Amino acid sequence: MPLPGAPAAAVEADLDLRNATPADAEDVAALLGALGYPCDAGDAAERIAAVLGNDRQALLLARRHGAACGLLALDFMYYLPLGTTTCRVTALVVGDDARGHGVGRALLRDAERRARAGGAARLEVTSAGHRTEAHAFYRACGFGEGAVRFVKSLGD
């Protein structure tokens, strides 16, 4: 089922979606900071390298008019309860200046395409409880409510 929103052709005319590389570290650091996970360019370069070194993950960078404006990370995993592969969006952020221009929808469309191509039976996203605007966005993009997620930190 295609995601609703701006016509794909209109969004794609202004948008470049591609895999992030270590050369994108400053942009990735800025976008992760906007998501609430601050890091410097060195940390971002290490994180990008870790994703690139794992064939079960992907990190997409969106550029609009040449400027980095969005980021989406994917993780493919075997999901025992269903006996199949699930693709999880582990990070999605669109910069303030690019919100409302179809960037998030374009990233999710590409994630859905990649998930299907990778044999995933479903695409899932988690979002912190306080991100109510993000929740509304995901619902508008066809995502339904799932299980409650609990997290226990195992240290630094």
N, C-alpha and C. Protein backbone atom coordinates (compact mmCIF):
# COMPACT_ATOMS: atom_id res chain seq x y z
N MET A 1 0.85 -1.17 0.00
CA MET A 1 0.00 0.00 0.00
C MET A 1 0.89 1.23 0.00
N PRO A 2 0.79 2.11 -0.97
CA PRO A 2 1.63 3.29 -0.99
C PRO A 2 1.26 4.24 0.13
N LEU A 3 2.24 4.97 0.60
CA LEU A 3 2.02 5.93 1.65
C LEU A 3 1.35 7.17 1.09
N PRO A 4 0.39 7.75 1.82
CA PRO A 4 -0.26 8.96 1.35
C PRO A 4 0.67 10.15 1.49
N GLY A 5 0.31 11.24 0.87
CA GLY A 5 1.09 12.47 1.01
C GLY A 5 1.31 13.13 -0.32
N ALA A 6 2.33 13.95 -0.38
CA ALA A 6 2.65 14.68 -1.61
C ALA A 6 2.91 13.69 -2.74
N PRO A 7 2.53 14.07 -3.96
CA PRO A 7 2.82 13.17 -5.09
C PRO A 7 4.31 12.85 -5.14
N ALA A 8 4.60 11.58 -5.36
CA ALA A 8 6.00 11.14 -5.35
C ALA A 8 6.84 11.91 -6.36
N ALA A 9 6.31 12.17 -7.53
CA ALA A 9 7.08 12.86 -8.57
C ALA A 9 7.47 14.27 -8.11
N ALA A 10 6.55 14.96 -7.43
CA ALA A 10 6.84 16.32 -6.97
C ALA A 10 7.93 16.31 -5.90
N VAL A 11 7.85 15.36 -4.99
CA VAL A 11 8.85 15.26 -3.93
C VAL A 11 10.20 14.86 -4.52
N GLU A 12 10.19 13.85 -5.38
CA GLU A 12 11.44 13.33 -5.93
C GLU A 12 12.17 14.35 -6.79
N ALA A 13 11.44 15.29 -7.38
CA ALA A 13 12.09 16.30 -8.20
C ALA A 13 13.03 17.17 -7.37
N ASP A 14 12.69 17.38 -6.11
CA ASP A 14 13.48 18.22 -5.22
C ASP A 14 14.37 17.42 -4.28
N LEU A 15 14.27 16.12 -4.29
CA LEU A 15 14.87 15.31 -3.25
C LEU A 15 15.83 14.28 -3.82
N ASP A 16 16.95 14.13 -3.12
CA ASP A 16 17.93 13.10 -3.45
C ASP A 16 18.02 12.17 -2.24
N LEU A 17 17.65 10.92 -2.41
CA LEU A 17 17.75 9.92 -1.35
C LEU A 17 18.87 8.97 -1.71
N ARG A 18 19.78 8.74 -0.79
CA ARG A 18 20.88 7.81 -1.05
C ARG A 18 21.40 7.28 0.27
N ASN A 19 22.22 6.23 0.18
CA ASN A 19 22.86 5.69 1.37
C ASN A 19 23.88 6.71 1.89
N ALA A 20 23.90 6.88 3.20
CA ALA A 20 24.89 7.78 3.81
C ALA A 20 26.27 7.13 3.73
N THR A 21 27.29 7.97 3.67
CA THR A 21 28.68 7.53 3.66
C THR A 21 29.42 8.29 4.76
N PRO A 22 30.63 7.86 5.12
CA PRO A 22 31.39 8.60 6.14
C PRO A 22 31.59 10.08 5.78
N ALA A 23 31.59 10.41 4.51
CA ALA A 23 31.73 11.82 4.11
C ALA A 23 30.53 12.66 4.56
N ASP A 24 29.42 12.01 4.93
CA ASP A 24 28.21 12.70 5.37
C ASP A 24 28.17 12.88 6.89
N ALA A 25 29.26 12.62 7.57
CA ALA A 25 29.26 12.57 9.04
C ALA A 25 28.74 13.85 9.68
N GLU A 26 29.13 15.02 9.19
CA GLU A 26 28.66 16.27 9.81
C GLU A 26 27.15 16.39 9.68
N ASP A 27 26.61 16.06 8.50
CA ASP A 27 25.16 16.15 8.31
C ASP A 27 24.43 15.12 9.17
N VAL A 28 24.96 13.92 9.24
CA VAL A 28 24.35 12.88 10.07
C VAL A 28 24.38 13.30 11.54
N ALA A 29 25.49 13.86 12.00
CA ALA A 29 25.58 14.32 13.39
C ALA A 29 24.53 15.39 13.67
N ALA A 30 24.37 16.33 12.76
CA ALA A 30 23.39 17.41 12.95
C ALA A 30 21.97 16.84 13.01
N LEU A 31 21.65 15.91 12.13
CA LEU A 31 20.31 15.33 12.12
C LEU A 31 20.06 14.46 13.34
N LEU A 32 21.06 13.70 13.78
CA LEU A 32 20.89 12.93 15.02
C LEU A 32 20.69 13.86 16.21
N GLY A 33 21.40 14.97 16.23
CA GLY A 33 21.21 15.96 17.29
C GLY A 33 19.79 16.50 17.29
N ALA A 34 19.25 16.77 16.10
CA ALA A 34 17.87 17.26 15.99
C ALA A 34 16.87 16.22 16.49
N LEU A 35 17.24 14.94 16.39
CA LEU A 35 16.37 13.87 16.87
C LEU A 35 16.49 13.68 18.38
N GLY A 36 17.48 14.31 18.98
CA GLY A 36 17.67 14.20 20.42
C GLY A 36 18.80 13.28 20.82
N TYR A 37 19.65 12.91 19.85
CA TYR A 37 20.78 12.03 20.10
C TYR A 37 22.06 12.72 19.65
N PRO A 38 22.49 13.75 20.39
CA PRO A 38 23.65 14.53 19.94
C PRO A 38 24.93 13.71 19.87
N CYS A 39 25.70 13.98 18.84
CA CYS A 39 27.01 13.38 18.69
C CYS A 39 27.83 14.31 17.80
N ASP A 40 29.15 14.11 17.81
CA ASP A 40 29.99 14.94 16.94
C ASP A 40 30.23 14.18 15.64
N ALA A 41 30.89 14.84 14.71
CA ALA A 41 31.12 14.25 13.38
C ALA A 41 31.94 12.96 13.47
N GLY A 42 32.88 12.89 14.40
CA GLY A 42 33.68 11.67 14.57
C GLY A 42 32.82 10.50 15.00
N ASP A 43 31.93 10.76 15.98
CA ASP A 43 31.01 9.70 16.42
C ASP A 43 30.09 9.28 15.28
N ALA A 44 29.59 10.26 14.54
CA ALA A 44 28.69 9.96 13.43
C ALA A 44 29.40 9.12 12.37
N ALA A 45 30.66 9.44 12.08
CA ALA A 45 31.43 8.67 11.10
C ALA A 45 31.57 7.21 11.55
N GLU A 46 31.80 6.99 12.84
CA GLU A 46 31.89 5.62 13.37
C GLU A 46 30.56 4.89 13.24
N ARG A 47 29.47 5.61 13.51
CA ARG A 47 28.15 4.99 13.42
C ARG A 47 27.81 4.65 11.97
N ILE A 48 28.15 5.54 11.06
CA ILE A 48 27.92 5.27 9.63
C ILE A 48 28.72 4.05 9.21
N ALA A 49 29.98 3.98 9.62
CA ALA A 49 30.83 2.83 9.27
C ALA A 49 30.24 1.54 9.83
N ALA A 50 29.69 1.58 11.03
CA ALA A 50 29.09 0.38 11.62
C ALA A 50 27.90 -0.09 10.80
N VAL A 51 27.08 0.86 10.34
CA VAL A 51 25.93 0.50 9.51
C VAL A 51 26.41 -0.05 8.17
N LEU A 52 27.38 0.60 7.56
CA LEU A 52 27.89 0.15 6.27
C LEU A 52 28.53 -1.24 6.36
N GLY A 53 29.05 -1.58 7.53
CA GLY A 53 29.67 -2.87 7.73
C GLY A 53 28.69 -3.98 8.06
N ASN A 54 27.41 -3.68 8.11
CA ASN A 54 26.40 -4.66 8.47
C ASN A 54 25.39 -4.76 7.32
N ASP A 55 25.37 -5.87 6.63
CA ASP A 55 24.48 -5.99 5.47
C ASP A 55 23.01 -6.11 5.85
N ARG A 56 22.71 -6.10 7.14
CA ARG A 56 21.31 -6.14 7.62
C ARG A 56 20.82 -4.76 8.02
N GLN A 57 21.62 -3.72 7.74
CA GLN A 57 21.24 -2.36 8.10
C GLN A 57 21.44 -1.42 6.92
N ALA A 58 20.73 -0.29 6.98
CA ALA A 58 20.89 0.75 5.96
C ALA A 58 20.69 2.10 6.63
N LEU A 59 21.35 3.11 6.10
CA LEU A 59 21.22 4.47 6.60
C LEU A 59 21.02 5.37 5.39
N LEU A 60 19.82 5.94 5.28
CA LEU A 60 19.45 6.77 4.15
C LEU A 60 19.55 8.24 4.52
N LEU A 61 20.11 9.01 3.62
CA LEU A 61 20.22 10.45 3.81
C LEU A 61 19.43 11.14 2.71
N ALA A 62 18.61 12.10 3.11
CA ALA A 62 17.83 12.87 2.14
C ALA A 62 18.45 14.26 2.02
N ARG A 63 18.58 14.71 0.78
CA ARG A 63 19.04 16.07 0.50
C ARG A 63 17.96 16.74 -0.33
N ARG A 64 17.63 17.95 0.05
CA ARG A 64 16.65 18.76 -0.68
C ARG A 64 17.36 20.04 -1.10
N HIS A 65 17.38 20.30 -2.38
CA HIS A 65 18.10 21.45 -2.93
C HIS A 65 19.56 21.43 -2.48
N GLY A 66 20.13 20.23 -2.36
CA GLY A 66 21.53 20.07 -2.02
C GLY A 66 21.85 20.03 -0.54
N ALA A 67 20.90 20.39 0.31
CA ALA A 67 21.15 20.42 1.76
C ALA A 67 20.57 19.18 2.43
N ALA A 68 21.32 18.59 3.35
CA ALA A 68 20.83 17.44 4.10
C ALA A 68 19.61 17.85 4.89
N CYS A 69 18.55 17.06 4.78
CA CYS A 69 17.30 17.45 5.44
C CYS A 69 16.58 16.30 6.12
N GLY A 70 17.06 15.07 5.93
CA GLY A 70 16.38 13.94 6.55
C GLY A 70 17.28 12.72 6.62
N LEU A 71 16.94 11.85 7.55
CA LEU A 71 17.74 10.66 7.82
C LEU A 71 16.81 9.54 8.26
N LEU A 72 17.08 8.34 7.77
CA LEU A 72 16.31 7.17 8.17
C LEU A 72 17.26 5.99 8.27
N ALA A 73 17.17 5.25 9.37
CA ALA A 73 17.99 4.05 9.57
C ALA A 73 17.08 2.83 9.62
N LEU A 74 17.52 1.76 8.97
CA LEU A 74 16.77 0.51 8.91
C LEU A 74 17.59 -0.63 9.49
N ASP A 75 16.89 -1.58 10.11
CA ASP A 75 17.52 -2.79 10.63
C ASP A 75 16.62 -3.98 10.28
N PHE A 76 17.17 -4.93 9.53
CA PHE A 76 16.45 -6.15 9.17
C PHE A 76 16.77 -7.20 10.23
N MET A 77 15.74 -7.87 10.73
CA MET A 77 15.98 -8.90 11.73
C MET A 77 15.00 -10.05 11.55
N TYR A 78 15.46 -11.23 11.94
CA TYR A 78 14.57 -12.38 11.96
C TYR A 78 13.66 -12.23 13.16
N TYR A 79 12.35 -12.36 12.94
CA TYR A 79 11.37 -12.19 14.00
C TYR A 79 10.76 -13.56 14.32
N LEU A 80 11.23 -14.15 15.40
CA LEU A 80 10.86 -15.51 15.77
C LEU A 80 9.34 -15.73 15.86
N PRO A 81 8.57 -14.85 16.51
CA PRO A 81 7.14 -15.13 16.64
C PRO A 81 6.43 -15.33 15.30
N LEU A 82 6.86 -14.62 14.26
CA LEU A 82 6.23 -14.76 12.94
C LEU A 82 7.00 -15.69 12.02
N GLY A 83 8.21 -16.05 12.40
CA GLY A 83 9.04 -16.91 11.56
C GLY A 83 9.43 -16.27 10.25
N THR A 84 9.66 -14.97 10.29
CA THR A 84 10.02 -14.25 9.06
C THR A 84 10.86 -13.02 9.40
N THR A 85 11.26 -12.31 8.39
CA THR A 85 12.06 -11.10 8.57
C THR A 85 11.16 -9.90 8.79
N THR A 86 11.56 -9.06 9.72
CA THR A 86 10.93 -7.77 9.97
C THR A 86 11.96 -6.70 9.70
N CYS A 87 11.51 -5.59 9.18
CA CYS A 87 12.39 -4.44 8.97
C CYS A 87 11.94 -3.34 9.92
N ARG A 88 12.85 -2.87 10.74
CA ARG A 88 12.53 -1.85 11.74
C ARG A 88 13.21 -0.53 11.37
N VAL A 89 12.44 0.53 11.41
CA VAL A 89 12.98 1.88 11.29
C VAL A 89 13.52 2.22 12.68
N THR A 90 14.83 2.39 12.80
CA THR A 90 15.43 2.66 14.11
C THR A 90 15.69 4.14 14.33
N ALA A 91 15.63 4.93 13.28
CA ALA A 91 15.76 6.38 13.39
C ALA A 91 15.12 7.02 12.18
N LEU A 92 14.36 8.07 12.42
CA LEU A 92 13.79 8.87 11.34
C LEU A 92 13.71 10.30 11.84
N VAL A 93 14.33 11.19 11.09
CA VAL A 93 14.29 12.60 11.44
C VAL A 93 14.27 13.42 10.16
N VAL A 94 13.47 14.47 10.19
CA VAL A 94 13.43 15.46 9.11
C VAL A 94 13.71 16.81 9.77
N GLY A 95 14.65 17.55 9.19
CA GLY A 95 15.00 18.85 9.73
C GLY A 95 13.81 19.80 9.75
N ASP A 96 13.83 20.73 10.69
CA ASP A 96 12.72 21.67 10.85
C ASP A 96 12.35 22.37 9.54
N ASP A 97 13.33 22.82 8.79
CA ASP A 97 13.08 23.57 7.56
C ASP A 97 12.46 22.72 6.46
N ALA A 98 12.59 21.40 6.55
CA ALA A 98 12.09 20.52 5.49
C ALA A 98 10.76 19.86 5.84
N ARG A 99 10.29 20.03 7.07
CA ARG A 99 9.03 19.39 7.46
C ARG A 99 7.88 19.97 6.66
N GLY A 100 6.96 19.08 6.31
CA GLY A 100 5.80 19.50 5.54
C GLY A 100 6.03 19.52 4.05
N HIS A 101 7.20 19.07 3.60
CA HIS A 101 7.53 19.06 2.17
C HIS A 101 7.61 17.65 1.61
N GLY A 102 7.15 16.64 2.35
CA GLY A 102 7.12 15.28 1.86
C GLY A 102 8.39 14.49 2.05
N VAL A 103 9.36 15.03 2.77
CA VAL A 103 10.64 14.34 2.96
C VAL A 103 10.45 13.07 3.78
N GLY A 104 9.74 13.16 4.90
CA GLY A 104 9.50 11.99 5.74
C GLY A 104 8.75 10.91 5.00
N ARG A 105 7.74 11.31 4.25
CA ARG A 105 6.98 10.33 3.46
C ARG A 105 7.86 9.67 2.40
N ALA A 106 8.71 10.45 1.77
CA ALA A 106 9.61 9.89 0.75
C ALA A 106 10.58 8.90 1.39
N LEU A 107 11.10 9.23 2.56
CA LEU A 107 12.00 8.32 3.26
C LEU A 107 11.27 7.02 3.61
N LEU A 108 10.04 7.13 4.11
CA LEU A 108 9.29 5.93 4.46
C LEU A 108 8.91 5.12 3.22
N ARG A 109 8.61 5.77 2.11
CA ARG A 109 8.35 5.04 0.87
C ARG A 109 9.58 4.23 0.46
N ASP A 110 10.74 4.86 0.56
CA ASP A 110 11.97 4.15 0.20
C ASP A 110 12.26 3.02 1.19
N ALA A 111 11.97 3.26 2.46
CA ALA A 111 12.14 2.20 3.47
C ALA A 111 11.22 1.02 3.16
N GLU A 112 9.99 1.32 2.79
CA GLU A 112 9.04 0.25 2.46
C GLU A 112 9.52 -0.53 1.23
N ARG A 113 10.02 0.18 0.24
CA ARG A 113 10.55 -0.48 -0.96
C ARG A 113 11.71 -1.39 -0.60
N ARG A 114 12.64 -0.88 0.22
CA ARG A 114 13.80 -1.67 0.63
C ARG A 114 13.39 -2.87 1.48
N ALA A 115 12.40 -2.67 2.36
CA ALA A 115 11.92 -3.76 3.21
C ALA A 115 11.34 -4.88 2.34
N ARG A 116 10.52 -4.51 1.38
CA ARG A 116 9.94 -5.53 0.49
C ARG A 116 11.04 -6.25 -0.30
N ALA A 117 11.97 -5.47 -0.84
CA ALA A 117 13.07 -6.06 -1.63
C ALA A 117 13.93 -6.97 -0.77
N GLY A 118 14.03 -6.67 0.53
CA GLY A 118 14.82 -7.49 1.44
C GLY A 118 14.06 -8.67 2.01
N GLY A 119 12.83 -8.88 1.56
CA GLY A 119 12.05 -10.02 1.99
C GLY A 119 11.34 -9.86 3.32
N ALA A 120 11.25 -8.63 3.82
CA ALA A 120 10.59 -8.40 5.10
C ALA A 120 9.07 -8.54 4.95
N ALA A 121 8.45 -9.13 5.96
CA ALA A 121 7.00 -9.30 5.98
C ALA A 121 6.30 -8.05 6.49
N ARG A 122 7.06 -7.21 7.20
CA ARG A 122 6.46 -5.98 7.73
C ARG A 122 7.54 -4.95 7.99
N LEU A 123 7.08 -3.71 8.07
CA LEU A 123 7.93 -2.58 8.41
C LEU A 123 7.38 -2.00 9.69
N GLU A 124 8.25 -1.82 10.68
CA GLU A 124 7.79 -1.28 11.96
C GLU A 124 8.65 -0.10 12.36
N VAL A 125 8.07 0.74 13.18
CA VAL A 125 8.78 1.91 13.69
C VAL A 125 8.44 2.06 15.17
N THR A 126 9.43 2.44 15.96
CA THR A 126 9.17 2.76 17.36
C THR A 126 9.36 4.25 17.53
N SER A 127 8.64 4.79 18.48
CA SER A 127 8.69 6.23 18.71
C SER A 127 8.45 6.49 20.20
N ALA A 128 9.22 7.39 20.76
CA ALA A 128 9.07 7.71 22.18
C ALA A 128 7.65 8.20 22.47
N GLY A 129 7.17 7.87 23.64
CA GLY A 129 5.81 8.21 24.02
C GLY A 129 5.46 9.69 23.91
N HIS A 130 6.43 10.56 24.12
CA HIS A 130 6.16 12.00 24.10
C HIS A 130 6.13 12.60 22.69
N ARG A 131 6.48 11.84 21.69
CA ARG A 131 6.53 12.36 20.30
C ARG A 131 5.17 12.24 19.62
N THR A 132 4.19 12.94 20.14
CA THR A 132 2.82 12.81 19.65
C THR A 132 2.67 13.26 18.20
N GLU A 133 3.42 14.26 17.77
CA GLU A 133 3.34 14.69 16.37
C GLU A 133 3.87 13.58 15.45
N ALA A 134 4.93 12.91 15.88
CA ALA A 134 5.46 11.80 15.09
C ALA A 134 4.44 10.67 15.02
N HIS A 135 3.74 10.41 16.12
CA HIS A 135 2.75 9.34 16.13
C HIS A 135 1.65 9.64 15.11
N ALA A 136 1.19 10.88 15.08
CA ALA A 136 0.16 11.26 14.11
C ALA A 136 0.68 11.09 12.69
N PHE A 137 1.94 11.45 12.45
CA PHE A 137 2.55 11.28 11.14
C PHE A 137 2.58 9.81 10.73
N TYR A 138 3.02 8.94 11.64
CA TYR A 138 3.09 7.51 11.31
C TYR A 138 1.69 6.95 11.02
N ARG A 139 0.70 7.35 11.79
CA ARG A 139 -0.67 6.90 11.51
C ARG A 139 -1.11 7.37 10.13
N ALA A 140 -0.80 8.61 9.79
CA ALA A 140 -1.18 9.15 8.48
C ALA A 140 -0.47 8.41 7.35
N CYS A 141 0.66 7.80 7.65
CA CYS A 141 1.42 7.04 6.65
C CYS A 141 1.05 5.56 6.63
N GLY A 142 0.00 5.19 7.34
CA GLY A 142 -0.49 3.82 7.27
C GLY A 142 -0.01 2.87 8.35
N PHE A 143 0.74 3.37 9.32
CA PHE A 143 1.21 2.52 10.42
C PHE A 143 0.11 2.43 11.47
N GLY A 144 -0.04 1.24 12.04
CA GLY A 144 -1.01 1.04 13.11
C GLY A 144 -0.31 0.85 14.44
N GLU A 145 -1.08 0.97 15.49
CA GLU A 145 -0.54 0.78 16.84
C GLU A 145 -0.09 -0.67 16.99
N GLY A 146 1.03 -0.85 17.67
CA GLY A 146 1.56 -2.19 17.91
C GLY A 146 1.71 -2.43 19.39
N ALA A 147 2.62 -3.27 19.72
CA ALA A 147 2.88 -3.63 21.11
C ALA A 147 3.55 -2.48 21.85
N VAL A 148 3.39 -2.47 23.14
CA VAL A 148 4.09 -1.51 23.99
C VAL A 148 5.53 -2.00 24.12
N ARG A 149 6.45 -1.08 24.07
CA ARG A 149 7.88 -1.42 24.11
C ARG A 149 8.45 -1.00 25.46
N PHE A 150 9.19 -1.88 26.09
CA PHE A 150 9.87 -1.57 27.34
C PHE A 150 11.37 -1.64 27.10
N VAL A 151 12.10 -0.77 27.75
CA VAL A 151 13.55 -0.69 27.55
C VAL A 151 14.24 -0.65 28.90
N LYS A 152 15.30 -1.40 29.04
CA LYS A 152 16.11 -1.37 30.25
C LYS A 152 17.55 -1.05 29.82
N SER A 153 18.09 0.04 30.33
CA SER A 153 19.46 0.41 30.03
C SER A 153 20.42 -0.56 30.70
N LEU A 154 21.45 -0.93 29.96
CA LEU A 154 22.46 -1.85 30.50
C LEU A 154 23.77 -1.13 30.79
N GLY A 155 23.67 0.15 31.07
CA GLY A 155 24.85 0.94 31.40
C GLY A 155 25.13 1.97 30.33
N ASP A 156 26.31 2.59 30.45
CA ASP A 156 26.68 3.63 29.50
C ASP A 156 26.86 3.00 28.15
